[in-house]
Amino acid sequence: MSELQVVLNKLEEMSSDIKEIKTDVAGLKTDVADLKTRMEKVENRLEGVFEQTAGLIEFRHNTEKKLSNILEQQISLMHIVGENQVAIQTLQRRIV
């Protein structure tokens, strides 16, 4: 076999290897594109979770404030009406 034939065989092998690499790279590009799409979906969902969490935290704070106000008002009413009268009314409601 001549040196030219050896070189030609090596070039053919390299050409075949390059074709395989191109195929692999094309597959990787597709996989990366799919991953990007999925990542965008995850990010969008995560943004939604952040927004809902912020809303829930605000709701919790508002509820805590309202409950605190109700408790303060109840204490004031008990002082006005009298603790004993409140206890009597509570017991009467439980019996019914």
Protein backbone atom coordinates (compact mmCIF):
# COMPACT_ATOMS: atom_id res chain seq x y z
CA MET A 1 0.00 0.00 0.00
CA SER A 2 1.39 3.35 -0.92
CA GLU A 3 1.77 6.29 1.38
CA LEU A 4 -0.94 8.13 -0.53
CA GLN A 5 -3.35 5.27 0.05
CA VAL A 6 -2.57 5.29 3.78
CA VAL A 7 -3.17 9.03 3.93
CA LEU A 8 -6.41 8.61 1.96
CA ASN A 9 -7.62 5.91 4.36
CA LYS A 10 -6.82 8.12 7.35
CA LEU A 11 -8.69 11.03 5.76
CA GLU A 12 -11.72 8.80 5.15
CA GLU A 13 -11.65 7.68 8.79
CA MET A 14 -11.38 11.28 9.93
CA SER A 15 -14.24 12.26 7.62
CA SER A 16 -16.38 9.50 9.11
CA ASP A 17 -15.45 10.58 12.62
CA ILE A 18 -16.31 14.19 11.79
CA LYS A 19 -19.74 13.11 10.49
CA GLU A 20 -20.38 11.27 13.76
CA ILE A 21 -19.29 14.29 15.76
CA LYS A 22 -21.61 16.53 13.72
CA THR A 23 -24.49 14.15 14.38
CA ASP A 24 -23.69 14.10 18.09
CA VAL A 25 -23.43 17.91 18.21
CA ALA A 26 -26.79 18.25 16.42
CA GLY A 27 -28.34 15.94 19.03
CA LEU A 28 -26.77 17.95 21.82
CA LYS A 29 -28.11 21.19 20.34
CA THR A 30 -31.60 19.71 20.32
CA ASP A 31 -31.23 18.54 23.90
CA VAL A 32 -29.98 21.97 25.00
CA ALA A 33 -32.89 23.68 23.25
CA ASP A 34 -35.32 21.33 25.04
CA LEU A 35 -33.62 22.04 28.36
CA LYS A 36 -33.85 25.79 27.77
CA THR A 37 -37.57 25.50 27.07
CA ARG A 38 -38.14 23.42 30.18
CA MET A 39 -36.03 25.80 32.27
CA GLU A 40 -38.11 28.76 31.08
CA LYS A 41 -41.27 26.91 32.16
CA VAL A 42 -39.76 26.22 35.56
CA GLU A 43 -38.74 29.87 35.95
CA ASN A 44 -42.25 31.02 35.02
CA ARG A 45 -43.78 28.66 37.56
CA LEU A 46 -41.31 29.80 40.19
CA GLU A 47 -42.25 33.43 39.56
CA GLY A 48 -45.89 32.44 40.10
CA VAL A 49 -44.98 30.75 43.37
CA PHE A 50 -43.13 33.89 44.52
CA GLU A 51 -46.14 36.05 43.69
CA GLN A 52 -48.53 33.71 45.52
CA THR A 53 -46.22 33.51 48.50
CA ALA A 54 -46.04 37.29 48.70
CA GLY A 55 -49.84 37.44 48.59
CA LEU A 56 -50.16 34.83 51.31
CA ILE A 57 -47.67 36.63 53.54
CA GLU A 58 -49.58 39.88 53.12
CA PHE A 59 -52.85 38.07 53.88
CA ARG A 60 -51.31 36.52 57.01
CA HIS A 61 -50.10 39.89 58.26
CA ASN A 62 -53.51 41.47 57.66
CA THR A 63 -55.23 38.58 59.43
CA GLU A 64 -52.88 38.82 62.40
CA LYS A 65 -53.57 42.56 62.67
CA LYS A 66 -57.33 42.00 62.53
CA LEU A 67 -57.18 39.24 65.14
CA SER A 68 -55.09 41.46 67.38
CA ASN A 69 -57.64 44.26 67.04
CA ILE A 70 -60.51 41.87 67.80
CA LEU A 71 -58.70 40.60 70.89
CA GLU A 72 -58.11 44.16 72.12
CA GLN A 73 -61.76 45.04 71.52
CA GLN A 74 -62.91 41.89 73.31
CA ILE A 75 -60.80 42.76 76.34
CA SER A 76 -62.28 46.27 76.35
CA LEU A 77 -65.82 44.89 76.09
CA MET A 78 -65.18 42.49 78.94
CA HIS A 79 -64.08 45.41 81.11
CA ILE A 80 -67.16 47.41 80.15
CA VAL A 81 -69.68 44.56 80.59
CA GLY A 82 -67.85 42.88 83.38
CA GLU A 83 -65.92 39.66 83.27
CA ASN A 84 -68.46 37.82 85.41
CA GLN A 85 -71.34 38.74 83.13
CA VAL A 86 -69.35 37.54 80.09
CA ALA A 87 -68.56 34.25 81.84
CA ILE A 88 -72.27 33.77 82.73
CA GLN A 89 -73.37 34.43 79.14
CA THR A 90 -70.73 32.00 77.83
CA LEU A 91 -71.91 29.27 80.18
CA GLN A 92 -75.55 29.87 79.25
CA ARG A 93 -74.78 29.49 75.54
CA ARG A 94 -72.97 26.19 76.15
CA ILE A 95 -75.96 24.70 77.96
CA VAL A 96 -78.35 25.37 75.07
